[in-house]
Amino acid sequence: MRRLLYIILGIVLLTACQQDELPTKGQGSAVLELDLLRAGRPTMTTRAVDADLAVAIYKQGGIPYVQYAAGSVPKKIVLEPGIFKVIAYTENQDTWQTANGGKGAACYYAETSVEMENDMVVRLALEVPMTNYAVGLELPEHFTELFRSYTFTLRSGSRTTAIQQGEKAYFDVADGGFSYALRATNTDGKTNSHSAIDFPDVEAGKLFTLRYSYDSDATSGGVDIVITDDMETDDTNVTL
């Protein structure tokens, strides 16, 4: 009797294990492996997700599926079979213009579609570009010894902000470029300035450094404009 009971119990346990291991029809899953990096950042030698990027995933038709805040995006995400839109972005999409006392901050965004099939592993490497641009100021040597104070003003669209040596301000390409003006007071109390000068040819992801010299130039206000990729966009060291 006891032997028969053990046999019956063994059959029940075996059946239960088989039911756990075999998913029912339509319950398949796939794995999405992410490798996300903001454009201009050093390339990682190992798979990684940039800690400043958030991720939102939508099912076909724009149906929200899952969302991860910056710093919490896993390297592997389990999805059901289907077509998905993957969006990677910085979480300042609606606030970057007012950040840092109005100077703004770098903003990143990218999206792509991916098709997932049952038991499939999809590796997604996505470089996320900067969607705005930056303007920086570089004054000539000994400038602060010759001028006791100065104001450097930038304007783009409806925004006007002032920056100091070494700082940057961020603007939207859609606003159609920027204008700049420098007003400085020398040690004798005399004020020197030039009218605002327009610079229309801007591009997302670029840093436009306005490098002043002591040579006067009626067309540029005595400034050389240096354009580089904005490789460093962290604002943690900006003094407001």
Protein backbone atom coordinates (compact mmCIF):
# COMPACT_ATOMS: atom_id res chain seq x y z
CA MET A 1 0.00 0.00 0.00
CA ARG A 2 2.80 2.37 0.93
CA ARG A 3 4.66 1.48 -2.28
CA LEU A 4 1.57 2.26 -4.37
CA LEU A 5 1.23 5.62 -2.59
CA TYR A 6 4.84 6.55 -3.46
CA ILE A 7 4.26 5.64 -7.11
CA ILE A 8 1.13 7.83 -7.32
CA LEU A 9 2.91 10.72 -5.56
CA GLY A 10 5.84 10.46 -7.98
CA ILE A 11 3.56 10.63 -10.99
CA VAL A 12 1.85 13.77 -9.61
CA LEU A 13 5.20 15.51 -8.98
CA LEU A 14 6.51 14.61 -12.45
CA THR A 15 3.37 16.02 -14.08
CA ALA A 16 3.67 19.26 -12.09
CA CYS A 17 7.30 19.72 -13.17
CA GLN A 18 6.43 19.20 -16.81
CA GLN A 19 3.67 21.82 -16.61
CA ASP A 20 6.08 24.42 -15.15
CA GLU A 21 8.74 23.88 -17.79
CA LEU A 22 6.46 23.92 -20.86
CA PRO A 23 4.73 27.27 -21.41
CA THR A 24 1.26 27.25 -22.85
CA LYS A 25 0.69 28.34 -26.43
CA GLY A 26 1.12 32.09 -26.92
CA GLN A 27 3.17 32.63 -23.74
CA GLY A 28 6.59 32.74 -25.41
CA SER A 29 9.18 35.40 -24.60
CA ALA A 30 12.32 36.96 -26.05
CA VAL A 31 15.27 38.87 -24.58
CA LEU A 32 16.38 42.36 -25.63
CA GLU A 33 20.01 43.14 -24.77
CA LEU A 34 20.72 46.88 -24.72
CA ASP A 35 23.92 48.77 -25.47
CA LEU A 36 23.08 52.48 -25.24
CA LEU A 37 25.56 55.34 -25.35
CA ARG A 38 25.20 59.09 -25.73
CA ALA A 39 26.85 60.30 -28.94
CA GLY A 40 30.30 61.81 -28.39
CA ARG A 41 31.01 59.71 -25.32
CA PRO A 42 33.98 57.29 -25.28
CA THR A 43 33.06 53.88 -26.69
CA MET A 44 32.74 51.25 -23.99
CA THR A 45 34.74 48.05 -24.40
CA THR A 46 32.02 46.09 -22.60
CA ARG A 47 28.27 46.14 -23.11
CA ALA A 48 26.73 48.95 -21.11
CA VAL A 49 23.78 51.28 -20.72
CA ASP A 50 24.60 54.96 -20.18
CA ALA A 51 23.46 55.78 -16.65
CA ASP A 52 22.00 59.14 -17.74
CA LEU A 53 19.64 57.56 -20.27
CA ALA A 54 16.07 56.44 -19.60
CA VAL A 55 14.25 53.91 -21.79
CA ALA A 56 10.60 53.62 -22.81
CA ILE A 57 9.30 50.67 -24.85
CA TYR A 58 6.01 50.72 -26.76
CA LYS A 59 4.12 47.90 -28.45
CA GLN A 60 3.02 48.32 -32.06
CA GLY A 61 0.31 50.96 -32.23
CA GLY A 62 1.92 53.17 -29.56
CA ILE A 63 0.76 51.07 -26.58
CA PRO A 64 3.04 51.64 -23.54
CA TYR A 65 4.76 48.39 -22.55
CA VAL A 66 7.55 49.15 -20.03
CA GLN A 67 9.55 52.16 -18.89
CA TYR A 68 12.83 52.51 -16.99
CA ALA A 69 14.17 55.63 -15.31
CA ALA A 70 17.76 56.73 -15.85
CA GLY A 71 20.12 54.60 -13.81
CA SER A 72 17.72 51.66 -13.61
CA VAL A 73 17.75 50.34 -17.20
CA PRO A 74 18.70 46.64 -17.18
CA LYS A 75 21.06 45.23 -19.78
CA LYS A 76 18.54 42.49 -20.56
CA ILE A 77 14.80 43.05 -20.92
CA VAL A 78 12.33 40.20 -21.35
CA LEU A 79 9.63 40.98 -23.93
CA GLU A 80 6.80 39.07 -25.49
CA PRO A 81 6.97 38.35 -29.24
CA GLY A 82 5.99 41.32 -31.40
CA ILE A 83 7.20 44.62 -32.87
CA PHE A 84 8.31 47.28 -30.38
CA LYS A 85 9.49 50.90 -30.48
CA VAL A 86 12.48 51.49 -28.19
CA ILE A 87 13.10 55.10 -27.10
CA ALA A 88 16.27 56.16 -25.27
CA TYR A 89 16.44 59.66 -23.86
CA THR A 90 17.58 61.97 -21.09
CA GLU A 91 14.76 62.82 -18.72
CA ASN A 92 15.04 66.58 -19.30
CA GLN A 93 13.10 66.68 -22.58
CA ASP A 94 10.69 69.33 -21.23
CA THR A 95 13.01 71.06 -18.73
CA TRP A 96 16.46 71.38 -20.35
CA GLN A 97 15.90 75.02 -21.42
CA THR A 98 15.32 76.26 -17.86
CA ALA A 99 18.06 74.16 -16.22
CA ASN A 100 21.17 75.73 -14.67
CA GLY A 101 19.58 79.10 -14.06
CA GLY A 102 18.37 79.43 -17.65
CA LYS A 103 21.63 78.40 -19.29
CA GLY A 104 20.10 75.07 -20.23
CA ALA A 105 21.53 71.56 -20.42
CA ALA A 106 22.37 68.95 -23.02
CA CYS A 107 19.38 66.91 -24.22
CA TYR A 108 19.57 63.47 -25.87
CA TYR A 109 16.97 61.40 -27.73
CA ALA A 110 16.83 58.44 -30.12
CA GLU A 111 14.25 55.84 -31.12
CA THR A 112 14.22 52.67 -33.19
CA SER A 113 11.99 49.67 -33.90
CA VAL A 114 12.82 46.08 -33.10
CA GLU A 115 11.01 42.84 -33.89
CA MET A 116 11.05 40.15 -31.22
CA GLU A 117 10.34 36.49 -31.88
CA ASN A 118 9.77 33.67 -29.44
CA ASP A 119 12.97 32.45 -27.71
CA MET A 120 15.02 35.07 -29.59
CA VAL A 121 17.87 37.17 -28.16
CA VAL A 122 18.15 40.58 -29.89
CA ARG A 123 21.18 42.77 -29.26
CA LEU A 124 20.45 46.46 -29.77
CA ALA A 125 23.36 48.92 -30.00
CA LEU A 126 21.98 52.46 -30.18
CA GLU A 127 23.97 55.70 -30.15
CA VAL A 128 21.78 58.47 -28.74
CA PRO A 129 22.55 61.90 -30.26
CA MET A 130 22.35 65.32 -28.63
CA THR A 131 19.32 67.18 -29.98
CA ASN A 132 20.33 70.72 -29.02
CA TYR A 133 23.61 72.65 -29.28
CA ALA A 134 25.89 74.58 -26.93
CA VAL A 135 27.62 77.97 -27.00
CA GLY A 136 30.71 78.64 -24.90
CA LEU A 137 32.89 81.68 -24.17
CA GLU A 138 36.68 81.97 -24.21
CA LEU A 139 38.28 85.30 -23.34
CA PRO A 140 41.88 86.29 -24.19
CA GLU A 141 44.71 86.07 -21.70
CA HIS A 142 44.83 88.81 -19.03
CA PHE A 143 41.33 89.97 -19.97
CA THR A 144 40.14 90.23 -16.37
CA GLU A 145 43.24 92.26 -15.49
CA LEU A 146 42.35 94.84 -18.14
CA PHE A 147 38.58 94.83 -17.61
CA ARG A 148 37.13 94.90 -14.13
CA SER A 149 33.75 93.58 -15.22
CA TYR A 150 32.00 92.23 -18.30
CA THR A 151 28.66 90.87 -19.48
CA PHE A 152 28.41 88.35 -22.29
CA THR A 153 24.86 87.91 -23.54
CA LEU A 154 23.40 85.21 -25.77
CA ARG A 155 19.97 85.22 -27.36
CA SER A 156 18.16 82.52 -29.34
CA GLY A 157 14.44 82.49 -30.06
CA SER A 158 12.67 83.79 -26.96
CA ARG A 159 15.54 82.97 -24.60
CA THR A 160 18.23 85.37 -23.42
CA THR A 161 20.98 84.32 -21.03
CA ALA A 162 24.43 85.46 -19.91
CA ILE A 163 27.47 83.24 -19.43
CA GLN A 164 30.95 83.71 -18.00
CA GLN A 165 34.33 82.45 -19.15
CA GLY A 166 34.29 78.63 -19.27
CA GLU A 167 30.50 78.29 -19.09
CA LYS A 168 28.09 77.07 -21.76
CA ALA A 169 24.50 77.79 -22.69
CA TYR A 170 22.28 75.36 -24.62
CA PHE A 171 19.78 76.25 -27.33
CA ASP A 172 17.29 74.65 -29.71
CA VAL A 173 18.30 74.34 -33.37
CA ALA A 174 14.66 75.01 -34.31
CA ASP A 175 15.01 78.58 -32.99
CA GLY A 176 17.28 79.43 -35.93
CA GLY A 177 20.71 80.28 -34.53
CA PHE A 178 21.85 82.76 -31.88
CA SER A 179 23.16 86.28 -31.41
CA TYR A 180 25.95 87.36 -29.06
CA ALA A 181 27.23 90.61 -27.54
CA LEU A 182 30.04 91.51 -25.15
CA ARG A 183 30.02 94.55 -22.88
CA ALA A 184 33.11 95.18 -20.74
CA THR A 185 34.22 97.97 -18.38
CA ASN A 186 37.97 98.59 -18.14
CA THR A 187 39.93 99.56 -15.05
CA ASP A 188 39.46 103.27 -15.89
CA GLY A 189 35.69 102.88 -15.82
CA LYS A 190 35.24 103.16 -19.59
CA THR A 191 32.66 100.80 -21.11
CA ASN A 192 33.39 99.00 -24.36
CA SER A 193 30.77 97.04 -26.25
CA HIS A 194 29.61 95.88 -29.66
CA SER A 195 26.14 95.44 -31.06
CA ALA A 196 24.59 91.98 -31.01
CA ILE A 197 25.88 89.85 -33.89
CA ASP A 198 23.86 87.04 -35.45
CA PHE A 199 25.20 83.54 -36.05
CA PRO A 200 22.56 81.52 -37.92
CA ASP A 201 24.38 78.34 -39.02
CA VAL A 202 23.92 76.04 -36.05
CA GLU A 203 23.79 72.25 -35.83
CA ALA A 204 22.62 69.82 -33.17
CA GLY A 205 25.37 68.18 -31.15
CA LYS A 206 27.88 70.96 -31.74
CA LEU A 207 29.71 73.27 -29.36
CA PHE A 208 30.24 76.80 -30.72
CA THR A 209 33.07 78.40 -28.76
CA LEU A 210 33.22 82.20 -29.11
CA ARG A 211 36.90 83.00 -28.72
CA TYR A 212 37.55 86.72 -28.33
CA SER A 213 40.79 88.47 -29.24
CA TYR A 214 42.02 92.02 -28.72
CA ASP A 215 41.85 92.74 -32.46
CA SER A 216 38.68 94.58 -33.32
CA ASP A 217 36.54 93.27 -36.17
CA ALA A 218 33.43 95.17 -37.18
CA THR A 219 31.77 92.06 -38.61
CA SER A 220 32.32 89.70 -35.68
CA GLY A 221 32.97 91.87 -32.65
CA GLY A 222 36.59 90.69 -32.48
CA VAL A 223 35.78 87.02 -32.08
CA ASP A 224 36.79 83.76 -33.73
CA ILE A 225 34.07 81.12 -33.76
CA VAL A 226 35.38 77.61 -33.14
CA ILE A 227 33.00 74.73 -33.86
CA THR A 228 33.58 71.29 -32.34
CA ASP A 229 31.57 68.26 -31.35
CA ASP A 230 30.28 68.82 -27.84
CA MET A 231 32.21 65.96 -26.25
CA GLU A 232 31.76 67.21 -22.69
CA THR A 233 28.21 68.18 -21.77
CA ASP A 234 28.15 67.66 -18.00
CA ASP A 235 27.01 70.77 -16.13
CA THR A 236 28.04 69.70 -12.64
CA ASN A 237 30.94 72.17 -12.58
CA VAL A 238 29.00 75.20 -13.80
CA THR A 239 29.05 78.03 -11.28
CA LEU A 240 25.73 79.85 -11.32
